[in-house]
C-alpha atoms as a PDB file:
ATOM      1  CA  MET A   1      15.399  22.915  -6.478  1.00  0.00           C
ATOM      2  CA  ALA A   2      15.030  23.089  -2.725  1.00  0.00           C
ATOM      3  CA  LEU A   3      16.296  21.020   0.171  1.00  0.00           C
ATOM      4  CA  PHE A   4      14.342  20.978   3.392  1.00  0.00           C
ATOM      5  CA  ARG A   5      15.123  19.457   6.746  1.00  0.00           C
ATOM      6  CA  PHE A   6      12.299  19.011   9.163  1.00  0.00           C
ATOM      7  CA  GLY A   7      12.228  18.395  12.873  1.00  0.00           C
ATOM      8  CA  ARG A   8       9.643  16.148  14.438  1.00  0.00           C
ATOM      9  CA  SER A   9       6.308  17.924  14.560  1.00  0.00           C
ATOM     10  CA  ASP A  10       2.849  16.778  15.536  1.00  0.00           C
ATOM     11  CA  SER A  11       1.050  19.973  14.676  1.00  0.00           C
ATOM     12  CA  SER A  12      -0.514  18.902  11.371  1.00  0.00           C
ATOM     13  CA  SER A  13      -4.072  17.662  11.652  1.00  0.00           C
ATOM     14  CA  GLU A  14      -3.424  15.541   8.558  1.00  0.00           C
ATOM     15  CA  ALA A  15      -0.509  13.695  10.113  1.00  0.00           C
ATOM     16  CA  PRO A  16      -0.993   9.987  10.781  1.00  0.00           C
ATOM     17  CA  ALA A  17      -2.095   8.900  14.190  1.00  0.00           C
ATOM     18  CA  GLU A  18       0.461   7.783  16.720  1.00  0.00           C
ATOM     19  CA  PRO A  19       0.452   4.046  17.449  1.00  0.00           C
ATOM     20  CA  ALA A  20      -1.765   3.190  20.363  1.00  0.00           C
ATOM     21  CA  ALA A  21      -0.216   1.551  23.390  1.00  0.00           C
ATOM     22  CA  ASP A  22      -2.394  -1.503  22.871  1.00  0.00           C
ATOM     23  CA  LYS A  23      -1.753  -1.753  19.122  1.00  0.00           C
ATOM     24  CA  PRO A  24      -2.348  -5.371  18.009  1.00  0.00           C
ATOM     25  CA  GLY A  25       0.603  -7.545  17.052  1.00  0.00           C
ATOM     26  CA  PHE A  26       1.516  -8.430  13.484  1.00  0.00           C
ATOM     27  CA  PHE A  27      -0.900 -11.341  13.115  1.00  0.00           C
ATOM     28  CA  GLY A  28      -3.702  -9.335  14.685  1.00  0.00           C
ATOM     29  CA  ARG A  29      -3.182  -6.508  12.196  1.00  0.00           C
ATOM     30  CA  LEU A  30      -2.914  -8.954   9.316  1.00  0.00           C
ATOM     31  CA  ARG A  31      -6.072 -10.732  10.407  1.00  0.00           C
ATOM     32  CA  SER A  32      -7.886  -7.414  10.655  1.00  0.00           C
ATOM     33  CA  GLY A  33      -6.565  -6.318   7.280  1.00  0.00           C
ATOM     34  CA  LEU A  34      -7.714  -9.511   5.604  1.00  0.00           C
ATOM     35  CA  SER A  35     -11.044  -9.645   7.400  1.00  0.00           C
ATOM     36  CA  LYS A  36     -13.098  -8.596   4.364  1.00  0.00           C
ATOM     37  CA  THR A  37     -11.437 -11.142   2.090  1.00  0.00           C
ATOM     38  CA  ALA A  38     -11.679 -13.836   4.770  1.00  0.00           C
ATOM     39  CA  GLN A  39     -15.356 -13.064   5.309  1.00  0.00           C
ATOM     40  CA  VAL A  40     -16.129 -13.503   1.616  1.00  0.00           C
ATOM     41  CA  LEU A  41     -14.221 -16.789   1.489  1.00  0.00           C
ATOM     42  CA  ASN A  42     -15.627 -17.995   4.798  1.00  0.00           C
ATOM     43  CA  THR A  43     -19.240 -17.252   3.870  1.00  0.00           C
ATOM     44  CA  ASP A  44     -18.985 -18.783   0.409  1.00  0.00           C
ATOM     45  CA  VAL A  45     -17.216 -21.922   1.625  1.00  0.00           C
ATOM     46  CA  ARG A  46     -19.756 -22.373   4.413  1.00  0.00           C
ATOM     47  CA  ASP A  47     -22.576 -22.125   1.889  1.00  0.00           C
ATOM     48  CA  LEU A  48     -21.099 -25.053  -0.021  1.00  0.00           C
ATOM     49  CA  PHE A  49     -21.598 -27.280   3.030  1.00  0.00           C
ATOM     50  CA  LYS A  50     -25.151 -26.287   3.954  1.00  0.00           C
ATOM     51  CA  GLN A  51     -26.695 -29.186   2.102  1.00  0.00           C
ATOM     52  CA  GLU A  52     -26.147 -32.208   4.338  1.00  0.00           C
ATOM     53  CA  GLY A  53     -24.732 -35.220   2.561  1.00  0.00           C
ATOM     54  CA  ARG A  54     -23.902 -33.210  -0.539  1.00  0.00           C
ATOM     55  CA  HIS A  55     -21.581 -34.923  -2.989  1.00  0.00           C
ATOM     56  CA  VAL A  56     -18.691 -33.445  -4.917  1.00  0.00           C
ATOM     57  CA  ASP A  57     -19.995 -33.133  -8.446  1.00  0.00           C
ATOM     58  CA  ALA A  58     -19.669 -30.676 -11.329  1.00  0.00           C
ATOM     59  CA  ASP A  59     -22.111 -28.225  -9.735  1.00  0.00           C
ATOM     60  CA  PHE A  60     -20.257 -28.235  -6.427  1.00  0.00           C
ATOM     61  CA  LEU A  61     -16.888 -27.689  -8.109  1.00  0.00           C
ATOM     62  CA  GLU A  62     -18.252 -24.799 -10.171  1.00  0.00           C
ATOM     63  CA  GLU A  63     -19.637 -23.150  -7.039  1.00  0.00           C
ATOM     64  CA  LEU A  64     -16.273 -23.604  -5.349  1.00  0.00           C
ATOM     65  CA  ARG A  65     -14.511 -22.060  -8.336  1.00  0.00           C
ATOM     66  CA  ARG A  66     -16.772 -18.994  -8.230  1.00  0.00           C
ATOM     67  CA  ALA A  67     -16.219 -18.575  -4.505  1.00  0.00           C
ATOM     68  CA  LEU A  68     -12.446 -18.647  -4.943  1.00  0.00           C
ATOM     69  CA  VAL A  69     -12.445 -16.249  -7.889  1.00  0.00           C
ATOM     70  CA  ARG A  70     -14.384 -13.696  -5.808  1.00  0.00           C
ATOM     71  CA  THR A  71     -11.304 -13.280  -3.596  1.00  0.00           C
ATOM     72  CA  ASP A  72      -9.293 -12.383  -6.728  1.00  0.00           C
ATOM     73  CA  MET A  73      -6.760 -15.139  -6.159  1.00  0.00           C
ATOM     74  CA  GLY A  74      -6.805 -15.628  -9.927  1.00  0.00           C
ATOM     75  CA  PRO A  75      -8.035 -18.360 -12.269  1.00  0.00           C
ATOM     76  CA  SER A  76      -4.829 -20.387 -12.051  1.00  0.00           C
ATOM     77  CA  ALA A  77      -4.920 -20.842  -8.279  1.00  0.00           C
ATOM     78  CA  ALA A  78      -8.699 -21.321  -8.260  1.00  0.00           C
ATOM     79  CA  GLU A  79      -8.480 -23.998 -10.945  1.00  0.00           C
ATOM     80  CA  ALA A  80      -5.679 -25.811  -9.095  1.00  0.00           C
ATOM     81  CA  ILE A  81      -7.799 -25.951  -5.926  1.00  0.00           C
ATOM     82  CA  VAL A  82     -10.892 -27.128  -7.804  1.00  0.00           C
ATOM     83  CA  LYS A  83      -8.870 -29.819  -9.567  1.00  0.00           C
ATOM     84  CA  ASP A  84      -7.318 -31.016  -6.307  1.00  0.00           C
ATOM     85  CA  VAL A  85     -10.675 -31.171  -4.507  1.00  0.00           C
ATOM     86  CA  GLY A  86     -12.265 -32.933  -7.484  1.00  0.00           C
ATOM     87  CA  GLU A  87      -9.550 -35.579  -7.630  1.00  0.00           C
ATOM     88  CA  ARG A  88      -9.595 -36.220  -3.888  1.00  0.00           C
ATOM     89  CA  LEU A  89     -13.357 -36.164  -3.319  1.00  0.00           C
ATOM     90  CA  ARG A  90     -15.050 -36.864  -6.673  1.00  0.00           C
ATOM     91  CA  ALA A  91     -18.458 -38.522  -6.077  1.00  0.00           C
ATOM     92  CA  ARG A  92     -17.845 -38.559  -2.322  1.00  0.00           C
ATOM     93  CA  VAL A  93     -19.640 -36.571   0.353  1.00  0.00           C
ATOM     94  CA  VAL A  94     -18.132 -33.114   0.750  1.00  0.00           C
ATOM     95  CA  ASP A  95     -15.471 -32.959   3.468  1.00  0.00           C
ATOM     96  CA  PRO A  96     -14.941 -29.339   4.567  1.00  0.00           C
ATOM     97  CA  ALA A  97     -11.520 -30.128   6.020  1.00  0.00           C
ATOM     98  CA  VAL A  98     -10.283 -31.394   2.658  1.00  0.00           C
ATOM     99  CA  VAL A  99     -11.529 -28.286   0.869  1.00  0.00           C
ATOM    100  CA  VAL A 100      -9.883 -25.908   3.338  1.00  0.00           C
ATOM    101  CA  ASP A 101      -6.690 -27.964   3.337  1.00  0.00           C
ATOM    102  CA  SER A 102      -6.590 -27.766  -0.452  1.00  0.00           C
ATOM    103  CA  ILE A 103      -6.995 -23.990  -0.376  1.00  0.00           C
ATOM    104  CA  ARG A 104      -4.249 -23.687   2.236  1.00  0.00           C
ATOM    105  CA  SER A 105      -1.721 -25.960   0.535  1.00  0.00           C
ATOM    106  CA  THR A 106      -2.335 -24.492  -2.930  1.00  0.00           C
ATOM    107  CA  LEU A 107      -1.918 -20.898  -1.765  1.00  0.00           C
ATOM    108  CA  LEU A 108       1.185 -21.703   0.266  1.00  0.00           C
ATOM    109  CA  ALA A 109       2.740 -23.544  -2.683  1.00  0.00           C
ATOM    110  CA  ARG A 110       2.200 -20.482  -4.861  1.00  0.00           C
ATOM    111  CA  LEU A 111       3.369 -17.942  -2.290  1.00  0.00           C
ATOM    112  CA  THR A 112       6.338 -19.785  -0.818  1.00  0.00           C
ATOM    113  CA  GLY A 113       9.462 -17.980  -1.915  1.00  0.00           C
ATOM    114  CA  THR A 114       7.548 -14.858  -2.980  1.00  0.00           C
ATOM    115  CA  ALA A 115       8.422 -12.897   0.170  1.00  0.00           C
ATOM    116  CA  ASP A 116      11.811 -11.264   0.343  1.00  0.00           C
ATOM    117  CA  THR A 117      13.673  -8.733   2.442  1.00  0.00           C
ATOM    118  CA  LEU A 118      14.811  -5.404   1.072  1.00  0.00           C
ATOM    119  CA  ALA A 119      18.159  -5.324  -0.677  1.00  0.00           C
ATOM    120  CA  THR A 120      20.645  -2.914   0.870  1.00  0.00           C
ATOM    121  CA  ALA A 121      23.821  -1.264  -0.336  1.00  0.00           C
ATOM    122  CA  ALA A 122      27.125  -2.847   0.658  1.00  0.00           C
ATOM    123  CA  SER A 123      28.341   0.627   1.535  1.00  0.00           C
ATOM    124  CA  GLY A 124      26.892   4.104   1.337  1.00  0.00           C
ATOM    125  CA  PRO A 125      23.184   4.923   1.060  1.00  0.00           C
ATOM    126  CA  THR A 126      20.598   2.400  -0.037  1.00  0.00           C
ATOM    127  CA  VAL A 127      18.506   3.937  -2.829  1.00  0.00           C
ATOM    128  CA  ILE A 128      14.879   2.869  -3.212  1.00  0.00           C
ATOM    129  CA  LEU A 129      12.780   3.997  -6.182  1.00  0.00           C
ATOM    130  CA  VAL A 130       9.018   3.780  -5.701  1.00  0.00           C
ATOM    131  CA  THR A 131       6.557   3.574  -8.604  1.00  0.00           C
ATOM    132  CA  GLY A 132       2.821   3.156  -9.040  1.00  0.00           C
ATOM    133  CA  VAL A 133      -0.229   4.843 -10.504  1.00  0.00           C
ATOM    134  CA  ASN A 134      -1.941   7.796  -8.864  1.00  0.00           C
ATOM    135  CA  GLY A 135      -4.232   6.694  -6.070  1.00  0.00           C
ATOM    136  CA  SER A 136      -2.425   3.417  -5.433  1.00  0.00           C
ATOM    137  CA  GLY A 137      -1.185   4.545  -2.026  1.00  0.00           C
ATOM    138  CA  LYS A 138       2.327   5.195  -3.271  1.00  0.00           C
ATOM    139  CA  THR A 139       3.129   8.371  -1.325  1.00  0.00           C
ATOM    140  CA  THR A 140       1.697   7.000   1.909  1.00  0.00           C
ATOM    141  CA  SER A 141       3.643   3.760   1.433  1.00  0.00           C
ATOM    142  CA  ILE A 142       6.843   5.788   1.054  1.00  0.00           C
ATOM    143  CA  ALA A 143       6.115   7.513   4.336  1.00  0.00           C
ATOM    144  CA  LYS A 144       5.471   4.186   6.048  1.00  0.00           C
ATOM    145  CA  LEU A 145       8.753   2.832   4.714  1.00  0.00           C
ATOM    146  CA  ALA A 146      10.532   5.931   5.978  1.00  0.00           C
ATOM    147  CA  ARG A 147       9.020   5.409   9.408  1.00  0.00           C
ATOM    148  CA  ARG A 148      10.266   1.818   9.540  1.00  0.00           C
ATOM    149  CA  PHE A 149      13.767   2.996   8.784  1.00  0.00           C
ATOM    150  CA  THR A 150      13.774   5.972  11.151  1.00  0.00           C
ATOM    151  CA  THR A 151      12.397   3.773  13.935  1.00  0.00           C
ATOM    152  CA  ASP A 152      15.405   1.503  13.356  1.00  0.00           C
ATOM    153  CA  GLY A 153      17.695   4.493  13.796  1.00  0.00           C
ATOM    154  CA  LYS A 154      18.444   5.013  10.101  1.00  0.00           C
ATOM    155  CA  ARG A 155      18.942   8.451   8.603  1.00  0.00           C
ATOM    156  CA  VAL A 156      16.460   8.889   5.770  1.00  0.00           C
ATOM    157  CA  ILE A 157      16.181  11.364   2.917  1.00  0.00           C
ATOM    158  CA  LEU A 158      13.228  11.534   0.537  1.00  0.00           C
ATOM    159  CA  GLY A 159      13.165  12.700  -3.076  1.00  0.00           C
ATOM    160  CA  ALA A 160       9.830  14.226  -4.129  1.00  0.00           C
ATOM    161  CA  GLY A 161       9.988  13.124  -7.754  1.00  0.00           C
ATOM    162  CA  ASP A 162       6.249  13.398  -8.416  1.00  0.00           C
ATOM    163  CA  THR A 163       6.802  16.968  -9.587  1.00  0.00           C
ATOM    164  CA  PHE A 164       3.586  17.168 -11.622  1.00  0.00           C
ATOM    165  CA  ARG A 165       1.325  16.938  -8.571  1.00  0.00           C
ATOM    166  CA  ALA A 166       1.834  19.677  -5.990  1.00  0.00           C
ATOM    167  CA  ALA A 167      -0.403  17.789  -3.571  1.00  0.00           C
ATOM    168  CA  ALA A 168       1.904  14.756  -3.690  1.00  0.00           C
ATOM    169  CA  VAL A 169       4.934  16.918  -2.872  1.00  0.00           C
ATOM    170  CA  GLU A 170       3.130  18.606  -0.003  1.00  0.00           C
ATOM    171  CA  GLN A 171       1.928  15.279   1.367  1.00  0.00           C
ATOM    172  CA  LEU A 172       5.428  13.843   1.281  1.00  0.00           C
ATOM    173  CA  SER A 173       6.777  17.006   2.927  1.00  0.00           C
ATOM    174  CA  MET A 174       4.227  16.656   5.712  1.00  0.00           C
ATOM    175  CA  TRP A 175       5.313  13.063   6.313  1.00  0.00           C
ATOM    176  CA  ALA A 176       8.973  14.107   6.310  1.00  0.00           C
ATOM    177  CA  GLY A 177       8.234  16.682   8.980  1.00  0.00           C
ATOM    178  CA  ARG A 178       6.437  14.097  11.024  1.00  0.00           C
ATOM    179  CA  LEU A 179       9.273  11.591  10.786  1.00  0.00           C
ATOM    180  CA  GLY A 180      12.255  13.910  11.132  1.00  0.00           C
ATOM    181  CA  ALA A 181      13.537  13.075   7.655  1.00  0.00           C
ATOM    182  CA  GLU A 182      15.035  15.339   5.020  1.00  0.00           C
ATOM    183  CA  ILE A 183      13.358  15.911   1.699  1.00  0.00           C
ATOM    184  CA  VAL A 184      14.544  17.165  -1.668  1.00  0.00           C
ATOM    185  CA  ARG A 185      11.909  18.811  -3.811  1.00  0.00           C
ATOM    186  CA  GLY A 186      11.776  20.953  -6.934  1.00  0.00           C
ATOM    187  CA  GLU A 187       9.511  23.409  -8.647  1.00  0.00           C
ATOM    188  CA  GLN A 188       6.226  22.010  -9.936  1.00  0.00           C
ATOM    189  CA  GLY A 189       6.689  20.453 -13.348  1.00  0.00           C
ATOM    190  CA  CYS A 190      10.472  20.318 -13.187  1.00  0.00           C
ATOM    191  CA  ASP A 191      12.461  17.318 -14.448  1.00  0.00           C
ATOM    192  CA  PRO A 192      11.899  14.423 -12.000  1.00  0.00           C
ATOM    193  CA  ALA A 193      15.331  13.022 -12.865  1.00  0.00           C
ATOM    194  CA  SER A 194      16.916  16.219 -11.560  1.00  0.00           C
ATOM    195  CA  VAL A 195      15.119  15.762  -8.235  1.00  0.00           C
ATOM    196  CA  ALA A 196      16.379  12.179  -8.062  1.00  0.00           C
ATOM    197  CA  HIS A 197      19.911  13.367  -8.847  1.00  0.00           C
ATOM    198  CA  ARG A 198      19.835  15.968  -6.093  1.00  0.00           C
ATOM    199  CA  ALA A 199      18.381  13.513  -3.585  1.00  0.00           C
ATOM    200  CA  VAL A 200      21.075  10.905  -4.241  1.00  0.00           C
ATOM    201  CA  THR A 201      23.818  13.547  -4.174  1.00  0.00           C
ATOM    202  CA  ARG A 202      22.601  14.765  -0.801  1.00  0.00           C
ATOM    203  CA  ALA A 203      22.309  11.195   0.473  1.00  0.00           C
ATOM    204  CA  VAL A 204      25.958  10.528  -0.393  1.00  0.00           C
ATOM    205  CA  GLU A 205      27.315  13.858   0.851  1.00  0.00           C
ATOM    206  CA  GLY A 206      25.211  13.811   4.020  1.00  0.00           C
ATOM    207  CA  ASP A 207      26.067  10.220   4.904  1.00  0.00           C
ATOM    208  CA  PHE A 208      22.421   9.107   4.900  1.00  0.00           C
ATOM    209  CA  ASP A 209      21.513   5.442   5.258  1.00  0.00           C
ATOM    210  CA  ILE A 210      18.393   5.428   3.062  1.00  0.00           C
ATOM    211  CA  CYS A 211      17.274   7.487   0.072  1.00  0.00           C
ATOM    212  CA  ILE A 212      13.679   6.916  -1.054  1.00  0.00           C
ATOM    213  CA  ILE A 213      12.597   8.534  -4.314  1.00  0.00           C
ATOM    214  CA  ASP A 214       8.967   9.056  -5.299  1.00  0.00           C
ATOM    215  CA  THR A 215       7.948   9.073  -8.970  1.00  0.00           C
ATOM    216  CA  ALA A 216       4.930  10.455 -10.791  1.00  0.00           C
ATOM    217  CA  GLY A 217       1.851   8.247 -10.935  1.00  0.00           C
ATOM    218  CA  ARG A 218       1.773   6.841 -14.402  1.00  0.00           C
ATOM    219  CA  LEU A 219      -0.079   4.366 -16.590  1.00  0.00           C
ATOM    220  CA  GLN A 220       1.570   1.688 -18.678  1.00  0.00           C
ATOM    221  CA  THR A 221       0.057   3.178 -21.859  1.00  0.00           C
ATOM    222  CA  GLN A 222       1.966   6.439 -21.408  1.00  0.00           C
ATOM    223  CA  SER A 223       5.206   5.522 -23.137  1.00  0.00           C
ATOM    224  CA  ASN A 224       6.792   8.907 -22.511  1.00  0.00           C
ATOM    225  CA  LEU A 225       6.402   8.475 -18.785  1.00  0.00           C
ATOM    226  CA  MET A 226       7.761   4.942 -19.008  1.00  0.00           C
ATOM    227  CA  GLN A 227      10.821   6.415 -20.708  1.00  0.00           C
ATOM    228  CA  GLU A 228      11.064   8.901 -17.880  1.00  0.00           C
ATOM    229  CA  LEU A 229      11.398   6.036 -15.417  1.00  0.00           C
ATOM    230  CA  GLY A 230      14.319   4.721 -17.441  1.00  0.00           C
ATOM    231  CA  LYS A 231      15.935   8.146 -17.358  1.00  0.00           C
ATOM    232  CA  ILE A 232      15.631   8.349 -13.576  1.00  0.00           C
ATOM    233  CA  ARG A 233      17.251   4.937 -13.227  1.00  0.00           C
ATOM    234  CA  ARG A 234      20.127   5.910 -15.500  1.00  0.00           C
ATOM    235  CA  VAL A 235      20.761   9.137 -13.600  1.00  0.00           C
ATOM    236  CA  ILE A 236      20.836   7.286 -10.274  1.00  0.00           C
ATOM    237  CA  SER A 237      23.091   4.487 -11.535  1.00  0.00           C
ATOM    238  CA  LYS A 238      25.653   7.021 -12.737  1.00  0.00           C
ATOM    239  CA  GLN A 239      25.915   8.318  -9.189  1.00  0.00           C
ATOM    240  CA  ILE A 240      25.948   4.924  -7.463  1.00  0.00           C
ATOM    241  CA  ALA A 241      26.853   1.993  -9.683  1.00  0.00           C
ATOM    242  CA  ASP A 242      24.435  -0.589  -8.252  1.00  0.00           C
ATOM    243  CA  ALA A 243      21.585   1.818  -7.530  1.00  0.00           C
ATOM    244  CA  PRO A 244      18.667   1.847  -7.287  1.00  0.00           C
ATOM    245  CA  HIS A 245      18.982  -1.121  -4.968  1.00  0.00           C
ATOM    246  CA  GLU A 246      15.225  -1.642  -4.935  1.00  0.00           C
ATOM    247  CA  VAL A 247      12.438  -0.523  -7.292  1.00  0.00           C
ATOM    248  CA  LEU A 248       9.143  -1.056  -5.519  1.00  0.00           C
ATOM    249  CA  LEU A 249       5.812  -1.148  -7.332  1.00  0.00           C
ATOM    250  CA  VAL A 250       2.881  -0.066  -5.161  1.00  0.00           C
ATOM    251  CA  ILE A 251      -0.383  -1.829  -6.029  1.00  0.00           C
ATOM    252  CA  ASP A 252      -3.777  -0.981  -4.580  1.00  0.00           C
ATOM    253  CA  ALA A 253      -5.246  -4.176  -3.122  1.00  0.00           C
ATOM    254  CA  THR A 254      -8.770  -2.802  -3.571  1.00  0.00           C
ATOM    255  CA  ALA A 255      -8.237  -2.689  -7.343  1.00  0.00           C
ATOM    256  CA  GLY A 256      -8.387  -6.492  -7.539  1.00  0.00           C
ATOM    257  CA  GLN A 257      -7.590  -7.920 -10.950  1.00  0.00           C
ATOM    258  CA  ASN A 258      -7.221  -4.386 -12.285  1.00  0.00           C
ATOM    259  CA  ALA A 259      -3.944  -4.333 -10.394  1.00  0.00           C
ATOM    260  CA  LEU A 260      -2.501  -6.613 -13.053  1.00  0.00           C
ATOM    261  CA  SER A 261      -3.113  -4.113 -15.834  1.00  0.00           C
ATOM    262  CA  GLN A 262      -1.790  -1.310 -13.634  1.00  0.00           C
ATOM    263  CA  ALA A 263       1.458  -3.190 -13.179  1.00  0.00           C
ATOM    264  CA  GLU A 264       1.852  -4.143 -16.852  1.00  0.00           C
ATOM    265  CA  GLY A 265       5.000  -2.611 -18.299  1.00  0.00           C
ATOM    266  CA  PHE A 266       6.498  -1.517 -14.982  1.00  0.00           C
ATOM    267  CA  LYS A 267       8.708  -4.543 -14.535  1.00  0.00           C
ATOM    268  CA  GLU A 268      10.613  -3.865 -17.747  1.00  0.00           C
ATOM    269  CA  ALA A 269      10.513  -0.073 -17.825  1.00  0.00           C
ATOM    270  CA  ALA A 270      11.314   0.508 -14.174  1.00  0.00           C
ATOM    271  CA  GLY A 271      13.166  -2.716 -13.456  1.00  0.00           C
ATOM    272  CA  CYS A 272      10.838  -3.443 -10.545  1.00  0.00           C
ATOM    273  CA  THR A 273      12.279  -5.695  -7.863  1.00  0.00           C
ATOM    274  CA  GLY A 274       9.328  -6.033  -5.501  1.00  0.00           C
ATOM    275  CA  ILE A 275       5.724  -5.172  -4.699  1.00  0.00           C
ATOM    276  CA  VAL A 276       4.097  -3.188  -1.919  1.00  0.00           C
ATOM    277  CA  LEU A 277       0.456  -4.276  -1.666  1.00  0.00           C
ATOM    278  CA  ALA A 278      -1.279  -1.231  -0.221  1.00  0.00           C
ATOM    279  CA  LYS A 279      -4.766  -0.824   1.278  1.00  0.00           C
ATOM    280  CA  LEU A 280      -5.085  -4.500   2.122  1.00  0.00           C
ATOM    281  CA  ASP A 281      -7.213  -3.555   5.101  1.00  0.00           C
ATOM    282  CA  GLY A 282      -9.918  -2.081   2.861  1.00  0.00           C
ATOM    283  CA  SER A 283     -10.190  -4.921   0.369  1.00  0.00           C
ATOM    284  CA  ALA A 284     -12.334  -8.007  -0.048  1.00  0.00           C
ATOM    285  CA  ARG A 285      -9.899  -9.041  -2.780  1.00  0.00           C
ATOM    286  CA  GLY A 286      -6.756  -9.761  -0.786  1.00  0.00           C
ATOM    287  CA  GLY A 287      -6.172 -12.894  -2.853  1.00  0.00           C
ATOM    288  CA  VAL A 288      -4.845 -10.649  -5.630  1.00  0.00           C
ATOM    289  CA  VAL A 289      -1.378 -11.149  -4.177  1.00  0.00           C
ATOM    290  CA  VAL A 290      -1.349 -14.628  -5.752  1.00  0.00           C
ATOM    291  CA  PRO A 291      -1.843 -13.772  -9.457  1.00  0.00           C
ATOM    292  CA  VAL A 292       0.309 -10.655  -9.122  1.00  0.00           C
ATOM    293  CA  THR A 293       3.309 -12.611  -7.875  1.00  0.00           C
ATOM    294  CA  GLU A 294       2.740 -15.374 -10.424  1.00  0.00           C
ATOM    295  CA  ARG A 295       2.360 -13.112 -13.414  1.00  0.00           C
ATOM    296  CA  PHE A 296       5.188 -10.721 -12.683  1.00  0.00           C
ATOM    297  CA  GLU A 297       7.493 -13.040 -10.761  1.00  0.00           C
ATOM    298  CA  LEU A 298       8.087 -10.314  -8.212  1.00  0.00           C
ATOM    299  CA  PRO A 299       8.205 -10.833  -4.454  1.00  0.00           C
ATOM    300  CA  VAL A 300       5.782  -8.998  -2.202  1.00  0.00           C
ATOM    301  CA  LYS A 301       8.029  -7.033   0.116  1.00  0.00           C
ATOM    302  CA  PHE A 302       5.385  -5.279   2.221  1.00  0.00           C
ATOM    303  CA  VAL A 303       1.642  -5.098   2.801  1.00  0.00           C
ATOM    304  CA  GLY A 304      -0.247  -2.018   3.966  1.00  0.00           C
ATOM    305  CA  LEU A 305      -2.673  -2.827   6.772  1.00  0.00           C
ATOM    306  CA  GLY A 306      -4.098   0.547   7.771  1.00  0.00           C
ATOM    307  CA  GLU A 307      -3.763   4.301   7.592  1.00  0.00           C
ATOM    308  CA  ALA A 308      -1.422   4.885  10.523  1.00  0.00           C
ATOM    309  CA  ALA A 309       2.305   5.354   9.999  1.00  0.00           C
ATOM    310  CA  GLU A 310       3.176   1.993  11.521  1.00  0.00           C
ATOM    311  CA  ASP A 311       0.669   0.023   9.430  1.00  0.00           C
ATOM    312  CA  LEU A 312       3.156  -1.487   6.996  1.00  0.00           C
ATOM    313  CA  GLU A 313       4.381  -5.029   7.507  1.00  0.00           C
ATOM    314  CA  ALA A 314       6.884  -7.282   5.790  1.00  0.00           C
ATOM    315  CA  PHE A 315       4.961  -9.917   3.849  1.00  0.00           C
ATOM    316  CA  ASP A 316       4.822 -13.378   5.428  1.00  0.00           C
ATOM    317  CA  PRO A 317       3.096 -16.055   3.256  1.00  0.00           C
ATOM    318  CA  ASP A 318       2.389 -18.390   6.186  1.00  0.00           C
ATOM    319  CA  ALA A 319       0.766 -15.657   8.255  1.00  0.00           C
ATOM    320  CA  PHE A 320      -1.097 -14.374   5.198  1.00  0.00           C
ATOM    321  CA  VAL A 321      -2.721 -17.735   4.448  1.00  0.00           C
ATOM    322  CA  ALA A 322      -3.436 -18.417   8.123  1.00  0.00           C
ATOM    323  CA  ALA A 323      -5.216 -15.066   8.467  1.00  0.00           C
ATOM    324  CA  LEU A 324      -7.125 -15.632   5.238  1.00  0.00           C
ATOM    325  CA  LEU A 325      -8.466 -19.002   6.358  1.00  0.00           C
ATOM    326  CA  GLU A 326      -8.933 -18.313  10.052  1.00  0.00           C
ATOM    327  CA  GLY A 327     -12.458 -19.174  11.121  1.00  0.00           C
ATOM    328  CA  THR A 328     -13.409 -20.967   7.908  1.00  0.00           C
ATOM    329  CA  LEU A 329     -14.268 -24.143   9.792  1.00  0.00           C
ATOM    330  CA  SER A 330     -15.349 -22.493  13.031  1.00  0.00           C
ATOM    331  CA  PRO A 331     -18.951 -22.941  14.158  1.00  0.00           C
END
């Protein structure tokens, strides 16, 4: 097992880009991140209104349903919108404002209360366990979280618990060097729980504010790996009674409805407390946040809006829906 401390270094060509001086504000980044989803919704909704004097009938409602489902907002939300529009406009000429208002109010009703801030320890280090399948953006999301904390002046230590993938350990080490964080890592293939134990021990002894622990990418069908998650949690809780304080599940926004099957089993096995929706900027399926929160009853803590280190934002339902619908009624 090895402990490394890195200074700030910009030498790696693989390191994330520094934020530009004219970096857009939060809403601008959110709007950009949701642009593909918004474009799909905007185009499809516009198409519904091309026929002048069109009435709301079964064909119209079915077309609306298909348009909504394409954003991956899920059948429940799509059906609620279709039902609302049907009840308010049945046999009347289509009113675009009513349709957009129905989409807005339905999404807000489903997302209100789903955002939440990170839990923190009353005293001592806050321990955050991060889970998710390989390729979900988990390691990069950890680095972005670390940057948020270091920018706020917090001392951060990382635990490279994905011991079965050397590339994941090296990537996390690179980020640690970039951010001036410490990192605990072990030999390839070693017990991930031992890495977690060492990381938490160092966090306590070194008076760190935040300890973020990576875990191996795993699928819900691999019961042995699910058991491993439980072991890591037990090891951590023996060191700090109420830890881990957060267990974040990273979901790839580009996976759409597949994200639901990826997340199946994590809530129970890992005791997940929140979601990080990664790669939102590359998806035309940003609506997936709706069925994910409904099905798993987990708040979305953060959304990933780009590849740079600063491109992670706390989830805001109002801003999310506003960005999704921006321009829908514009000429």
